[in-house]
Amino acid sequence: MSALKYANLALAVLFPISWFAPLLRAGLLPLFGLSEITVISGLQALWRTDVALALVVSFLALFAPYLKVIGLALVHFHLARRRILGALEILGRLAMADVFLIALYIVVVKGIGVGRVETAWGLYLFTGCILASLAIGHLTRRR
């Protein structure tokens, strides 16, 4: 169980790093340079254009995964009952929806052919954090 504790605590550090890491590089035309998009920069742009969508994406990208990490830490350190694991599992699934939205964006932009999109290392870090959180939650529930 202690390995799960430490893996979960590592996510408390890795999630914020993944929010500022470049998810993708996007540009309008191949001749111009690509600008890097992070979770935070994407949310900043979204807040200026669509507040309702920004609230949903903020919850999916920031709050759901971090609340799950905090909840699992409380269970691991016996500060919360194991009953909350079901709710934490739902939070993990909601966080995975954000990865789906990013992937959908990449597919749409590449399909239109107007711009250029390249995935960056932050997308893999963010996805890995979400998948690790799902695995830690699953293993915690089994024990």
N, C-alpha and C. Protein backbone atom coordinates (compact mmCIF):
# COMPACT_ATOMS: atom_id res chain seq x y z
N MET A 1 0.82 -1.20 0.00
CA MET A 1 0.00 0.00 0.00
C MET A 1 0.86 1.26 0.00
N SER A 2 2.05 1.20 0.58
CA SER A 2 2.87 2.41 0.64
C SER A 2 3.33 2.84 -0.75
N ALA A 3 3.52 1.90 -1.66
CA ALA A 3 3.89 2.27 -3.03
C ALA A 3 2.77 3.07 -3.69
N LEU A 4 1.53 2.69 -3.42
CA LEU A 4 0.39 3.43 -3.96
C LEU A 4 0.33 4.84 -3.37
N LYS A 5 0.64 4.96 -2.08
CA LYS A 5 0.66 6.27 -1.43
C LYS A 5 1.64 7.20 -2.13
N TYR A 6 2.86 6.69 -2.33
CA TYR A 6 3.90 7.53 -2.91
C TYR A 6 3.64 7.83 -4.39
N ALA A 7 3.09 6.86 -5.09
CA ALA A 7 2.74 7.11 -6.50
C ALA A 7 1.66 8.18 -6.59
N ASN A 8 0.69 8.12 -5.70
CA ASN A 8 -0.38 9.13 -5.69
C ASN A 8 0.18 10.50 -5.32
N LEU A 9 1.08 10.55 -4.33
CA LEU A 9 1.68 11.82 -3.95
C LEU A 9 2.53 12.40 -5.08
N ALA A 10 3.16 11.52 -5.87
CA ALA A 10 3.91 11.99 -7.04
C ALA A 10 2.98 12.68 -8.03
N LEU A 11 1.76 12.18 -8.14
CA LEU A 11 0.79 12.81 -9.04
C LEU A 11 0.43 14.22 -8.56
N ALA A 12 0.49 14.45 -7.25
CA ALA A 12 0.21 15.78 -6.73
C ALA A 12 1.22 16.80 -7.26
N VAL A 13 2.42 16.33 -7.61
CA VAL A 13 3.44 17.20 -8.18
C VAL A 13 3.37 17.18 -9.71
N LEU A 14 3.13 16.01 -10.29
CA LEU A 14 3.16 15.87 -11.75
C LEU A 14 1.97 16.53 -12.44
N PHE A 15 0.80 16.52 -11.81
CA PHE A 15 -0.35 17.16 -12.46
C PHE A 15 -0.11 18.65 -12.73
N PRO A 16 0.32 19.44 -11.73
CA PRO A 16 0.58 20.86 -12.04
C PRO A 16 1.65 21.06 -13.11
N ILE A 17 2.65 20.20 -13.13
CA ILE A 17 3.67 20.29 -14.19
C ILE A 17 3.02 20.05 -15.54
N SER A 18 2.14 19.06 -15.62
CA SER A 18 1.49 18.75 -16.90
C SER A 18 0.57 19.87 -17.37
N TRP A 19 0.04 20.67 -16.44
CA TRP A 19 -0.83 21.78 -16.84
C TRP A 19 -0.05 22.89 -17.54
N PHE A 20 1.23 23.02 -17.23
CA PHE A 20 2.05 24.07 -17.83
C PHE A 20 2.96 23.54 -18.95
N ALA A 21 2.99 22.23 -19.14
CA ALA A 21 3.81 21.62 -20.19
C ALA A 21 3.10 21.77 -21.53
N PRO A 22 3.86 21.87 -22.61
CA PRO A 22 3.22 22.02 -23.93
C PRO A 22 2.47 20.74 -24.33
N LEU A 23 1.16 20.90 -24.57
CA LEU A 23 0.34 19.78 -25.03
C LEU A 23 0.51 19.55 -26.52
N LEU A 24 0.51 20.65 -27.23
CA LEU A 24 0.64 20.58 -28.67
C LEU A 24 1.18 21.88 -29.21
N ARG A 25 1.65 21.81 -30.44
CA ARG A 25 2.11 22.99 -31.16
C ARG A 25 1.17 23.16 -32.34
N ALA A 26 0.65 24.37 -32.48
CA ALA A 26 -0.32 24.62 -33.54
C ALA A 26 0.07 25.88 -34.29
N GLY A 27 -0.21 25.87 -35.59
CA GLY A 27 0.04 27.02 -36.43
C GLY A 27 -0.95 27.06 -37.57
N LEU A 28 -1.16 28.25 -38.11
CA LEU A 28 -2.14 28.41 -39.18
C LEU A 28 -1.62 27.86 -40.50
N LEU A 29 -0.42 28.20 -40.85
CA LEU A 29 0.16 27.74 -42.10
C LEU A 29 1.54 27.13 -41.84
N PRO A 30 1.96 26.20 -42.67
CA PRO A 30 3.27 25.57 -42.45
C PRO A 30 4.45 26.54 -42.51
N LEU A 31 4.27 27.69 -43.16
CA LEU A 31 5.37 28.64 -43.31
C LEU A 31 5.68 29.38 -42.01
N PHE A 32 4.68 29.54 -41.15
CA PHE A 32 4.87 30.28 -39.92
C PHE A 32 5.23 29.33 -38.79
N GLY A 33 5.83 29.87 -37.74
CA GLY A 33 6.20 29.06 -36.59
C GLY A 33 4.96 28.56 -35.84
N LEU A 34 5.15 27.50 -35.11
CA LEU A 34 4.07 26.92 -34.34
C LEU A 34 4.09 27.48 -32.92
N SER A 35 2.91 27.80 -32.40
CA SER A 35 2.83 28.25 -31.02
C SER A 35 2.45 27.09 -30.13
N GLU A 36 3.05 27.06 -28.93
CA GLU A 36 2.78 25.97 -28.01
C GLU A 36 1.52 26.27 -27.19
N ILE A 37 0.72 25.24 -27.01
CA ILE A 37 -0.50 25.36 -26.24
C ILE A 37 -0.39 24.45 -25.04
N THR A 38 -0.64 25.00 -23.86
CA THR A 38 -0.65 24.24 -22.63
C THR A 38 -2.09 24.18 -22.13
N VAL A 39 -2.33 23.39 -21.11
CA VAL A 39 -3.67 23.36 -20.51
C VAL A 39 -4.03 24.76 -20.02
N ILE A 40 -3.10 25.41 -19.34
CA ILE A 40 -3.37 26.73 -18.78
C ILE A 40 -3.57 27.78 -19.87
N SER A 41 -2.72 27.79 -20.88
CA SER A 41 -2.89 28.79 -21.95
C SER A 41 -4.18 28.54 -22.74
N GLY A 42 -4.52 27.27 -22.92
CA GLY A 42 -5.78 26.95 -23.58
C GLY A 42 -6.98 27.42 -22.78
N LEU A 43 -6.91 27.24 -21.47
CA LEU A 43 -8.00 27.71 -20.60
C LEU A 43 -8.09 29.23 -20.60
N GLN A 44 -6.95 29.90 -20.61
CA GLN A 44 -6.96 31.37 -20.65
C GLN A 44 -7.65 31.86 -21.91
N ALA A 45 -7.35 31.25 -23.04
CA ALA A 45 -7.98 31.63 -24.29
C ALA A 45 -9.47 31.31 -24.27
N LEU A 46 -9.82 30.19 -23.68
CA LEU A 46 -11.22 29.77 -23.62
C LEU A 46 -12.04 30.69 -22.73
N TRP A 47 -11.47 31.18 -21.63
CA TRP A 47 -12.18 32.10 -20.75
C TRP A 47 -12.56 33.39 -21.47
N ARG A 48 -11.75 33.79 -22.45
CA ARG A 48 -12.05 35.02 -23.19
C ARG A 48 -13.17 34.83 -24.20
N THR A 49 -13.39 33.59 -24.65
CA THR A 49 -14.36 33.37 -25.72
C THR A 49 -15.64 32.67 -25.27
N ASP A 50 -15.54 31.67 -24.39
CA ASP A 50 -16.71 30.90 -23.98
C ASP A 50 -16.58 30.50 -22.52
N VAL A 51 -17.22 31.26 -21.65
CA VAL A 51 -17.07 31.06 -20.21
C VAL A 51 -17.67 29.72 -19.77
N ALA A 52 -18.80 29.35 -20.32
CA ALA A 52 -19.45 28.08 -19.93
C ALA A 52 -18.55 26.89 -20.26
N LEU A 53 -18.00 26.87 -21.47
CA LEU A 53 -17.10 25.79 -21.85
C LEU A 53 -15.82 25.83 -21.02
N ALA A 54 -15.34 27.03 -20.70
CA ALA A 54 -14.15 27.17 -19.87
C ALA A 54 -14.37 26.58 -18.48
N LEU A 55 -15.56 26.76 -17.93
CA LEU A 55 -15.88 26.17 -16.63
C LEU A 55 -15.84 24.65 -16.69
N VAL A 56 -16.43 24.09 -17.74
CA VAL A 56 -16.45 22.63 -17.90
C VAL A 56 -15.04 22.08 -18.06
N VAL A 57 -14.27 22.69 -18.94
CA VAL A 57 -12.91 22.21 -19.20
C VAL A 57 -12.02 22.43 -17.97
N SER A 58 -12.21 23.53 -17.25
CA SER A 58 -11.44 23.75 -16.02
C SER A 58 -11.72 22.65 -15.01
N PHE A 59 -12.98 22.27 -14.89
CA PHE A 59 -13.32 21.20 -13.96
C PHE A 59 -12.68 19.89 -14.41
N LEU A 60 -12.79 19.58 -15.71
CA LEU A 60 -12.26 18.31 -16.23
C LEU A 60 -10.74 18.26 -16.18
N ALA A 61 -10.08 19.35 -16.49
CA ALA A 61 -8.62 19.34 -16.61
C ALA A 61 -7.90 19.60 -15.30
N LEU A 62 -8.47 20.45 -14.44
CA LEU A 62 -7.76 20.84 -13.23
C LEU A 62 -8.35 20.23 -11.97
N PHE A 63 -9.63 20.48 -11.76
CA PHE A 63 -10.23 20.13 -10.47
C PHE A 63 -10.51 18.64 -10.31
N ALA A 64 -11.07 17.99 -11.31
CA ALA A 64 -11.40 16.56 -11.19
C ALA A 64 -10.16 15.71 -10.89
N PRO A 65 -9.08 15.84 -11.68
CA PRO A 65 -7.93 14.98 -11.37
C PRO A 65 -7.27 15.31 -10.03
N TYR A 66 -7.22 16.59 -9.68
CA TYR A 66 -6.55 16.95 -8.43
C TYR A 66 -7.39 16.57 -7.22
N LEU A 67 -8.71 16.71 -7.33
CA LEU A 67 -9.59 16.27 -6.25
C LEU A 67 -9.47 14.77 -6.03
N LYS A 68 -9.29 14.04 -7.13
CA LYS A 68 -9.11 12.59 -7.00
C LYS A 68 -7.82 12.27 -6.28
N VAL A 69 -6.74 12.96 -6.62
CA VAL A 69 -5.45 12.74 -5.95
C VAL A 69 -5.58 13.04 -4.46
N ILE A 70 -6.22 14.14 -4.13
CA ILE A 70 -6.40 14.50 -2.72
C ILE A 70 -7.26 13.46 -2.01
N GLY A 71 -8.34 13.03 -2.66
CA GLY A 71 -9.21 12.02 -2.06
C GLY A 71 -8.50 10.70 -1.83
N LEU A 72 -7.71 10.27 -2.81
CA LEU A 72 -6.95 9.03 -2.64
C LEU A 72 -5.92 9.16 -1.52
N ALA A 73 -5.30 10.33 -1.41
CA ALA A 73 -4.33 10.54 -0.33
C ALA A 73 -5.03 10.45 1.02
N LEU A 74 -6.22 11.00 1.12
CA LEU A 74 -6.97 10.92 2.38
C LEU A 74 -7.30 9.47 2.72
N VAL A 75 -7.65 8.68 1.71
CA VAL A 75 -7.93 7.25 1.95
C VAL A 75 -6.65 6.52 2.33
N HIS A 76 -5.56 6.78 1.62
CA HIS A 76 -4.29 6.10 1.90
C HIS A 76 -3.78 6.39 3.31
N PHE A 77 -4.01 7.60 3.79
CA PHE A 77 -3.53 7.97 5.12
C PHE A 77 -4.61 7.81 6.18
N HIS A 78 -5.67 7.08 5.84
CA HIS A 78 -6.75 6.73 6.76
C HIS A 78 -7.43 7.96 7.36
N LEU A 79 -7.54 9.02 6.56
CA LEU A 79 -8.23 10.23 6.99
C LEU A 79 -9.63 10.31 6.38
N ALA A 80 -9.93 9.40 5.48
CA ALA A 80 -11.26 9.32 4.87
C ALA A 80 -11.62 7.84 4.72
N ARG A 81 -12.88 7.58 4.68
CA ARG A 81 -13.34 6.20 4.54
C ARG A 81 -13.22 5.73 3.10
N ARG A 82 -13.09 4.44 2.95
CA ARG A 82 -12.96 3.83 1.63
C ARG A 82 -14.23 3.98 0.81
N ARG A 83 -15.33 4.36 1.45
CA ARG A 83 -16.60 4.55 0.74
C ARG A 83 -16.50 5.59 -0.37
N ILE A 84 -15.58 6.53 -0.23
CA ILE A 84 -15.49 7.59 -1.22
C ILE A 84 -14.79 7.15 -2.51
N LEU A 85 -14.26 5.93 -2.54
CA LEU A 85 -13.53 5.46 -3.72
C LEU A 85 -14.42 5.43 -4.97
N GLY A 86 -15.70 5.15 -4.82
CA GLY A 86 -16.61 5.16 -5.97
C GLY A 86 -16.71 6.54 -6.58
N ALA A 87 -16.85 7.55 -5.75
CA ALA A 87 -16.92 8.93 -6.24
C ALA A 87 -15.59 9.35 -6.86
N LEU A 88 -14.48 8.90 -6.29
CA LEU A 88 -13.17 9.23 -6.84
C LEU A 88 -12.96 8.58 -8.20
N GLU A 89 -13.52 7.40 -8.39
CA GLU A 89 -13.42 6.73 -9.69
C GLU A 89 -14.16 7.54 -10.76
N ILE A 90 -15.30 8.10 -10.40
CA ILE A 90 -16.04 8.95 -11.34
C ILE A 90 -15.22 10.19 -11.70
N LEU A 91 -14.56 10.79 -10.71
CA LEU A 91 -13.71 11.95 -10.99
C LEU A 91 -12.60 11.59 -11.97
N GLY A 92 -12.02 10.41 -11.82
CA GLY A 92 -10.97 9.97 -12.74
C GLY A 92 -11.48 9.80 -14.16
N ARG A 93 -12.68 9.28 -14.28
CA ARG A 93 -13.26 9.12 -15.62
C ARG A 93 -13.57 10.47 -16.25
N LEU A 94 -14.03 11.42 -15.45
CA LEU A 94 -14.29 12.76 -15.97
C LEU A 94 -13.00 13.41 -16.45
N ALA A 95 -11.91 13.20 -15.73
CA ALA A 95 -10.62 13.76 -16.13
C ALA A 95 -10.17 13.17 -17.46
N MET A 96 -10.49 11.90 -17.69
CA MET A 96 -10.13 11.26 -18.96
C MET A 96 -10.89 11.89 -20.12
N ALA A 97 -12.05 12.45 -19.85
CA ALA A 97 -12.82 13.13 -20.90
C ALA A 97 -12.05 14.32 -21.46
N ASP A 98 -11.26 14.97 -20.63
CA ASP A 98 -10.47 16.10 -21.10
C ASP A 98 -9.42 15.66 -22.11
N VAL A 99 -8.79 14.52 -21.88
CA VAL A 99 -7.82 13.99 -22.84
C VAL A 99 -8.53 13.70 -24.17
N PHE A 100 -9.76 13.19 -24.09
CA PHE A 100 -10.54 12.93 -25.29
C PHE A 100 -10.81 14.24 -26.05
N LEU A 101 -11.14 15.31 -25.33
CA LEU A 101 -11.39 16.60 -25.99
C LEU A 101 -10.15 17.11 -26.71
N ILE A 102 -8.98 16.95 -26.09
CA ILE A 102 -7.74 17.39 -26.74
C ILE A 102 -7.47 16.57 -27.99
N ALA A 103 -7.66 15.25 -27.89
CA ALA A 103 -7.45 14.38 -29.06
C ALA A 103 -8.43 14.73 -30.17
N LEU A 104 -9.67 15.02 -29.80
CA LEU A 104 -10.67 15.40 -30.80
C LEU A 104 -10.27 16.69 -31.50
N TYR A 105 -9.76 17.64 -30.76
CA TYR A 105 -9.30 18.90 -31.33
C TYR A 105 -8.19 18.65 -32.36
N ILE A 106 -7.25 17.79 -32.00
CA ILE A 106 -6.14 17.49 -32.92
C ILE A 106 -6.65 16.84 -34.19
N VAL A 107 -7.57 15.89 -34.06
CA VAL A 107 -8.12 15.21 -35.24
C VAL A 107 -8.88 16.18 -36.13
N VAL A 108 -9.69 17.06 -35.53
CA VAL A 108 -10.47 18.02 -36.32
C VAL A 108 -9.56 18.97 -37.07
N VAL A 109 -8.56 19.53 -36.40
CA VAL A 109 -7.67 20.48 -37.05
C VAL A 109 -6.87 19.81 -38.16
N LYS A 110 -6.40 18.60 -37.92
CA LYS A 110 -5.65 17.90 -38.96
C LYS A 110 -6.56 17.53 -40.13
N GLY A 111 -7.82 17.20 -39.83
CA GLY A 111 -8.77 16.82 -40.88
C GLY A 111 -9.15 17.98 -41.77
N ILE A 112 -9.25 19.18 -41.20
CA ILE A 112 -9.61 20.36 -41.99
C ILE A 112 -8.48 20.73 -42.93
N GLY A 113 -7.27 20.55 -42.48
CA GLY A 113 -6.11 20.80 -43.34
C GLY A 113 -5.72 22.26 -43.43
N VAL A 114 -6.32 23.15 -42.63
CA VAL A 114 -5.99 24.56 -42.68
C VAL A 114 -4.69 24.85 -41.94
N GLY A 115 -4.53 24.25 -40.82
CA GLY A 115 -3.36 24.51 -40.00
C GLY A 115 -2.53 23.27 -39.81
N ARG A 116 -1.58 23.41 -38.93
CA ARG A 116 -0.70 22.28 -38.62
C ARG A 116 -0.69 22.09 -37.11
N VAL A 117 -0.82 20.86 -36.68
CA VAL A 117 -0.82 20.54 -35.26
C VAL A 117 0.15 19.39 -35.02
N GLU A 118 0.98 19.57 -34.01
CA GLU A 118 1.90 18.51 -33.59
C GLU A 118 1.71 18.28 -32.10
N THR A 119 1.68 17.03 -31.69
CA THR A 119 1.58 16.75 -30.26
C THR A 119 2.92 17.00 -29.61
N ALA A 120 2.89 17.38 -28.35
CA ALA A 120 4.11 17.66 -27.59
C ALA A 120 4.16 16.77 -26.35
N TRP A 121 5.26 16.80 -25.65
CA TRP A 121 5.48 15.89 -24.53
C TRP A 121 4.49 16.10 -23.38
N GLY A 122 3.95 17.28 -23.23
CA GLY A 122 2.99 17.54 -22.15
C GLY A 122 1.70 16.75 -22.30
N LEU A 123 1.31 16.47 -23.54
CA LEU A 123 0.11 15.66 -23.77
C LEU A 123 0.31 14.26 -23.23
N TYR A 124 1.49 13.72 -23.44
CA TYR A 124 1.79 12.38 -22.94
C TYR A 124 1.91 12.38 -21.41
N LEU A 125 2.49 13.45 -20.85
CA LEU A 125 2.58 13.56 -19.40
C LEU A 125 1.20 13.67 -18.78
N PHE A 126 0.35 14.52 -19.33
CA PHE A 126 -1.00 14.72 -18.81
C PHE A 126 -1.81 13.41 -18.93
N THR A 127 -1.73 12.76 -20.08
CA THR A 127 -2.44 11.49 -20.27
C THR A 127 -1.90 10.43 -19.32
N GLY A 128 -0.59 10.37 -19.16
CA GLY A 128 0.02 9.41 -18.25
C GLY A 128 -0.41 9.64 -16.81
N CYS A 129 -0.51 10.89 -16.40
CA CYS A 129 -0.97 11.21 -15.05
C CYS A 129 -2.41 10.74 -14.84
N ILE A 130 -3.25 10.98 -15.82
CA ILE A 130 -4.66 10.56 -15.72
C ILE A 130 -4.74 9.03 -15.65
N LEU A 131 -4.00 8.35 -16.53
CA LEU A 131 -4.03 6.88 -16.53
C LEU A 131 -3.44 6.31 -15.23
N ALA A 132 -2.37 6.93 -14.73
CA ALA A 132 -1.78 6.48 -13.47
C ALA A 132 -2.77 6.67 -12.32
N SER A 133 -3.48 7.78 -12.34
CA SER A 133 -4.48 8.04 -11.31
C SER A 133 -5.61 7.01 -11.36
N LEU A 134 -6.03 6.66 -12.58
CA LEU A 134 -7.06 5.62 -12.72
C LEU A 134 -6.54 4.29 -12.17
N ALA A 135 -5.29 3.95 -12.49
CA ALA A 135 -4.72 2.68 -12.02
C ALA A 135 -4.55 2.68 -10.50
N ILE A 136 -4.09 3.77 -9.94
CA ILE A 136 -3.91 3.86 -8.48
C ILE A 136 -5.27 3.72 -7.79
N GLY A 137 -6.27 4.38 -8.34
CA GLY A 137 -7.62 4.27 -7.77
C GLY A 137 -8.14 2.85 -7.84
N HIS A 138 -7.91 2.20 -8.98
CA HIS A 138 -8.37 0.82 -9.14
C HIS A 138 -7.66 -0.13 -8.17
N LEU A 139 -6.34 0.02 -8.06
CA LEU A 139 -5.58 -0.83 -7.14
C LEU A 139 -5.93 -0.57 -5.68
N THR A 140 -6.20 0.67 -5.36
CA THR A 140 -6.60 1.00 -3.99
C THR A 140 -7.94 0.37 -3.67
N ARG A 141 -8.83 0.40 -4.61
CA ARG A 141 -10.17 -0.17 -4.40
C ARG A 141 -10.09 -1.68 -4.23
N ARG A 142 -9.20 -2.34 -4.96
CA ARG A 142 -9.06 -3.80 -4.87
C ARG A 142 -8.49 -4.24 -3.53
N ARG A 143 -7.72 -3.40 -2.86
CA ARG A 143 -7.07 -3.81 -1.60
C ARG A 143 -7.97 -3.58 -0.42
